[in-house]
N, C-alpha and C. Protein backbone atom coordinates (compact mmCIF):
# COMPACT_ATOMS: atom_id res chain seq x y z
N MET A 1 0.59 -17.90 2.08
CA MET A 1 -0.48 -16.66 1.52
C MET A 1 -1.31 -17.10 0.97
N GLY A 2 -2.35 -16.31 0.80
CA GLY A 2 -3.56 -16.66 0.45
C GLY A 2 -4.24 -16.06 -1.15
N THR A 3 -5.96 -15.90 -1.06
CA THR A 3 -6.06 -14.81 -1.96
C THR A 3 -6.54 -13.75 -1.39
N VAL A 4 -6.73 -12.33 -2.09
CA VAL A 4 -6.80 -11.29 -1.74
C VAL A 4 -7.77 -10.53 -2.75
N ASP A 5 -8.88 -10.46 -2.39
CA ASP A 5 -9.89 -9.91 -3.16
C ASP A 5 -9.72 -8.23 -3.30
N CYS A 6 -9.71 -7.90 -4.37
CA CYS A 6 -9.54 -6.26 -4.55
C CYS A 6 -10.30 -5.69 -5.19
N GLN A 7 -10.77 -4.71 -5.46
CA GLN A 7 -11.72 -3.62 -6.14
C GLN A 7 -11.01 -2.36 -6.41
N VAL A 8 -10.62 -1.79 -7.38
CA VAL A 8 -10.53 -0.43 -8.01
C VAL A 8 -11.26 0.17 -7.50
N LEU A 9 -10.82 1.30 -6.68
CA LEU A 9 -11.64 2.03 -5.86
C LEU A 9 -11.55 3.85 -6.83
N LYS A 10 -10.29 4.45 -6.81
CA LYS A 10 -10.14 5.41 -7.79
C LYS A 10 -8.69 5.58 -8.37
N VAL A 11 -8.88 5.76 -9.62
CA VAL A 11 -7.44 6.15 -10.41
C VAL A 11 -7.39 7.39 -11.34
N GLN A 12 -6.52 8.18 -10.61
CA GLN A 12 -5.90 9.35 -11.35
C GLN A 12 -4.79 9.37 -12.08
N PRO A 13 -4.44 9.33 -13.24
CA PRO A 13 -3.14 8.72 -13.87
C PRO A 13 -1.92 9.93 -13.54
N ARG A 14 -1.35 8.94 -12.78
CA ARG A 14 -0.06 9.75 -12.69
C ARG A 14 -0.18 10.55 -11.31
N ARG A 15 -1.09 10.23 -10.68
CA ARG A 15 -1.01 10.85 -9.34
C ARG A 15 -1.81 9.74 -8.39
N THR A 16 -3.05 8.86 -8.21
CA THR A 16 -3.62 8.25 -7.14
C THR A 16 -4.02 7.06 -7.91
N LEU A 17 -3.64 5.84 -6.77
CA LEU A 17 -4.38 4.29 -7.23
C LEU A 17 -4.76 4.01 -5.99
N SER A 18 -6.46 4.03 -5.80
CA SER A 18 -6.88 3.38 -4.49
C SER A 18 -7.60 2.30 -4.74
N TYR A 19 -7.45 0.95 -4.11
CA TYR A 19 -8.07 -0.07 -4.07
C TYR A 19 -8.39 -0.65 -3.01
N SER A 20 -9.60 -1.63 -2.94
CA SER A 20 -9.85 -2.16 -1.79
C SER A 20 -8.95 -3.59 -1.71
N TRP A 21 -8.73 -4.04 -0.50
CA TRP A 21 -8.02 -5.35 0.02
C TRP A 21 -8.90 -6.29 1.33
N ALA A 22 -9.71 -6.89 0.45
CA ALA A 22 -9.85 -7.87 1.27
C ALA A 22 -9.31 -9.54 1.14
N ALA A 23 -9.67 -9.98 2.94
CA ALA A 23 -8.69 -11.00 2.88
C ALA A 23 -8.57 -11.94 4.53
N GLN A 24 -9.19 -12.65 4.61
CA GLN A 24 -9.35 -13.63 5.87
C GLN A 24 -9.95 -12.78 6.96
N GLY A 25 -11.04 -11.94 6.55
CA GLY A 25 -11.89 -10.93 7.50
C GLY A 25 -10.97 -9.55 7.84
N LEU A 26 -9.96 -9.19 6.90
CA LEU A 26 -9.64 -7.72 6.92
C LEU A 26 -9.97 -6.80 5.60
N GLU A 27 -10.98 -6.23 6.03
CA GLU A 27 -11.35 -5.18 4.75
C GLU A 27 -10.67 -3.71 4.56
N SER A 28 -10.14 -3.33 3.93
CA SER A 28 -8.91 -2.26 4.10
C SER A 28 -8.62 -1.59 2.77
N VAL A 29 -8.47 -0.34 2.98
CA VAL A 29 -8.45 0.07 1.47
C VAL A 29 -6.89 0.50 1.51
N VAL A 30 -6.25 0.40 0.39
CA VAL A 30 -4.54 0.82 -0.37
C VAL A 30 -4.74 1.74 -1.11
N THR A 31 -3.84 3.17 -0.38
CA THR A 31 -4.22 3.96 -1.56
C THR A 31 -2.75 4.32 -1.94
N TRP A 32 -2.73 4.75 -2.83
CA TRP A 32 -0.83 5.14 -3.40
C TRP A 32 -1.01 6.43 -4.18
N THR A 33 0.03 7.28 -3.93
CA THR A 33 -0.17 8.48 -3.91
C THR A 33 1.12 9.30 -4.58
N LEU A 34 1.47 9.52 -5.91
CA LEU A 34 2.70 10.08 -6.22
C LEU A 34 2.22 11.76 -6.25
N THR A 35 3.33 12.17 -5.84
CA THR A 35 3.35 13.91 -5.64
C THR A 35 4.83 14.37 -6.02
N PRO A 36 4.57 15.63 -7.28
CA PRO A 36 5.51 15.65 -7.35
C PRO A 36 6.49 16.65 -6.82
N THR A 37 7.84 16.84 -6.81
CA THR A 37 8.50 17.73 -5.77
C THR A 37 9.68 18.65 -6.66
N SER A 38 10.17 19.30 -5.97
CA SER A 38 11.53 19.94 -6.58
C SER A 38 12.47 19.16 -7.31
N LYS A 39 12.72 18.01 -6.26
CA LYS A 39 13.80 16.98 -6.53
C LYS A 39 13.20 15.31 -7.40
N GLY A 40 12.00 15.39 -7.42
CA GLY A 40 11.53 14.29 -8.33
C GLY A 40 10.00 14.26 -7.74
N THR A 41 9.97 13.00 -6.87
CA THR A 41 8.46 12.61 -6.86
C THR A 41 8.08 11.79 -5.57
N THR A 42 7.60 12.31 -4.78
CA THR A 42 7.41 11.70 -3.57
C THR A 42 6.30 10.55 -3.65
N LEU A 43 6.18 9.00 -2.94
CA LEU A 43 5.44 8.22 -3.09
C LEU A 43 5.04 7.82 -2.07
N ARG A 44 3.88 7.78 -1.76
CA ARG A 44 2.70 7.70 -0.30
C ARG A 44 2.06 6.43 -0.71
N MET A 45 2.33 5.29 0.37
CA MET A 45 0.92 4.36 0.35
C MET A 45 0.46 4.42 2.11
N GLU A 46 -0.80 4.38 2.19
CA GLU A 46 -1.52 4.70 2.87
C GLU A 46 -2.15 3.01 2.92
N GLN A 47 -2.37 2.00 4.04
CA GLN A 47 -3.37 1.10 4.21
C GLN A 47 -4.58 1.79 5.34
N SER A 48 -5.41 1.33 5.22
CA SER A 48 -6.28 2.12 6.06
C SER A 48 -7.38 1.13 6.58
N GLY A 49 -8.24 0.79 7.78
CA GLY A 49 -9.15 0.06 7.87
C GLY A 49 -9.28 -1.12 8.85
N PHE A 50 -7.91 -0.92 9.46
CA PHE A 50 -7.81 -1.81 10.45
C PHE A 50 -8.57 -1.63 11.83
N ARG A 51 -9.26 -2.81 12.22
CA ARG A 51 -10.00 -2.57 13.10
C ARG A 51 -9.20 -2.65 14.98
N THR A 52 -9.54 -2.30 15.90
CA THR A 52 -8.99 -2.66 16.79
C THR A 52 -8.91 -3.60 17.25
N ASP A 53 -9.58 -4.82 16.87
CA ASP A 53 -9.23 -6.86 17.24
C ASP A 53 -8.53 -7.03 16.08
N GLN A 54 -7.61 -6.46 15.38
CA GLN A 54 -7.06 -6.68 14.14
C GLN A 54 -5.44 -6.35 14.12
N GLU A 55 -5.06 -6.68 15.26
CA GLU A 55 -3.75 -6.11 15.56
C GLU A 55 -2.90 -7.00 14.73
N GLN A 56 -2.97 -8.04 14.49
CA GLN A 56 -2.01 -9.71 14.33
C GLN A 56 -2.00 -8.99 12.72
N PHE A 57 -3.25 -8.38 11.82
CA PHE A 57 -3.25 -8.20 10.58
C PHE A 57 -2.62 -6.56 10.64
N TYR A 58 -2.39 -5.88 11.33
CA TYR A 58 -1.72 -4.51 11.20
C TYR A 58 -0.25 -5.07 11.40
N GLN A 59 0.42 -5.58 12.27
CA GLN A 59 1.71 -6.00 12.41
C GLN A 59 1.81 -6.86 10.96
N GLY A 60 1.47 -7.64 10.78
CA GLY A 60 1.57 -8.88 9.18
C GLY A 60 1.39 -7.17 8.00
N ALA A 61 0.66 -6.21 7.97
CA ALA A 61 0.64 -5.54 7.13
C ALA A 61 1.78 -4.95 7.30
N LYS A 62 2.54 -4.04 8.37
CA LYS A 62 3.50 -3.23 8.55
C LYS A 62 5.07 -4.13 7.87
N VAL A 63 5.18 -5.28 8.31
CA VAL A 63 6.25 -5.85 7.86
C VAL A 63 6.28 -6.16 6.59
N GLY A 64 5.25 -6.77 5.74
CA GLY A 64 5.23 -7.13 4.66
C GLY A 64 5.17 -5.55 3.68
N TRP A 65 4.84 -4.82 3.92
CA TRP A 65 4.82 -3.53 3.07
C TRP A 65 6.37 -2.70 3.37
N GLY A 66 6.93 -3.53 4.76
CA GLY A 66 8.42 -2.57 5.03
C GLY A 66 9.03 -3.46 3.72
N ASN A 67 9.18 -4.91 4.13
CA ASN A 67 9.92 -5.51 3.11
C ASN A 67 9.96 -5.19 1.78
N LEU A 68 8.53 -4.86 1.22
CA LEU A 68 8.16 -4.45 -0.36
C LEU A 68 8.79 -3.26 -0.57
N PHE A 69 9.29 -2.09 0.18
CA PHE A 69 9.55 -0.58 0.34
C PHE A 69 11.08 -0.95 0.34
N ALA A 70 11.84 -2.02 0.75
CA ALA A 70 13.10 -2.45 1.09
C ALA A 70 13.20 -2.51 -0.37
N LYS A 71 12.82 -3.41 -0.81
CA LYS A 71 13.14 -3.80 -1.83
C LYS A 71 13.16 -2.84 -3.26
N LEU A 72 11.89 -2.38 -3.06
CA LEU A 72 11.88 -0.96 -3.85
C LEU A 72 12.61 0.21 -4.01
N GLU A 73 13.79 0.60 -2.88
CA GLU A 73 14.56 1.27 -2.50
C GLU A 73 15.95 0.27 -3.60
N GLN A 74 15.78 -0.81 -2.99
CA GLN A 74 17.14 -1.40 -3.88
C GLN A 74 17.00 -1.02 -5.16
N ILE A 75 15.73 -1.41 -5.82
CA ILE A 75 15.72 -1.51 -7.36
C ILE A 75 15.87 0.19 -7.51
N LEU A 76 15.45 1.44 -6.78
CA LEU A 76 15.53 2.34 -7.02
C LEU A 76 17.00 3.19 -7.15
N ALA A 77 17.50 2.61 -6.56
CA ALA A 77 19.01 3.08 -5.90
C ALA A 77 20.25 2.80 -7.24
N ARG A 78 19.69 1.36 -7.94
CA ARG A 78 20.19 0.89 -8.81
C ARG A 78 20.35 1.78 -10.42
N SER A 79 18.94 2.55 -10.03
CA SER A 79 18.84 2.93 -11.38
C SER A 79 19.39 4.50 -11.27
């Protein structure tokens, strides 16, 4: 694991958090969005900005974010 440089780009309380994500040649944007529903809240996370020559970064992000969301689901299931 290394250093990730980030800068907050957008904040809408209880709705959106967007920040830049720069590390090892990858420059992308991560956006978290909360949307109220009739049954609770939907959480959406999107990381954009992968170039076509950055397949390794893309695959790494898929695995990393997948692990994070699996742990988050376990925590929420206990609530």
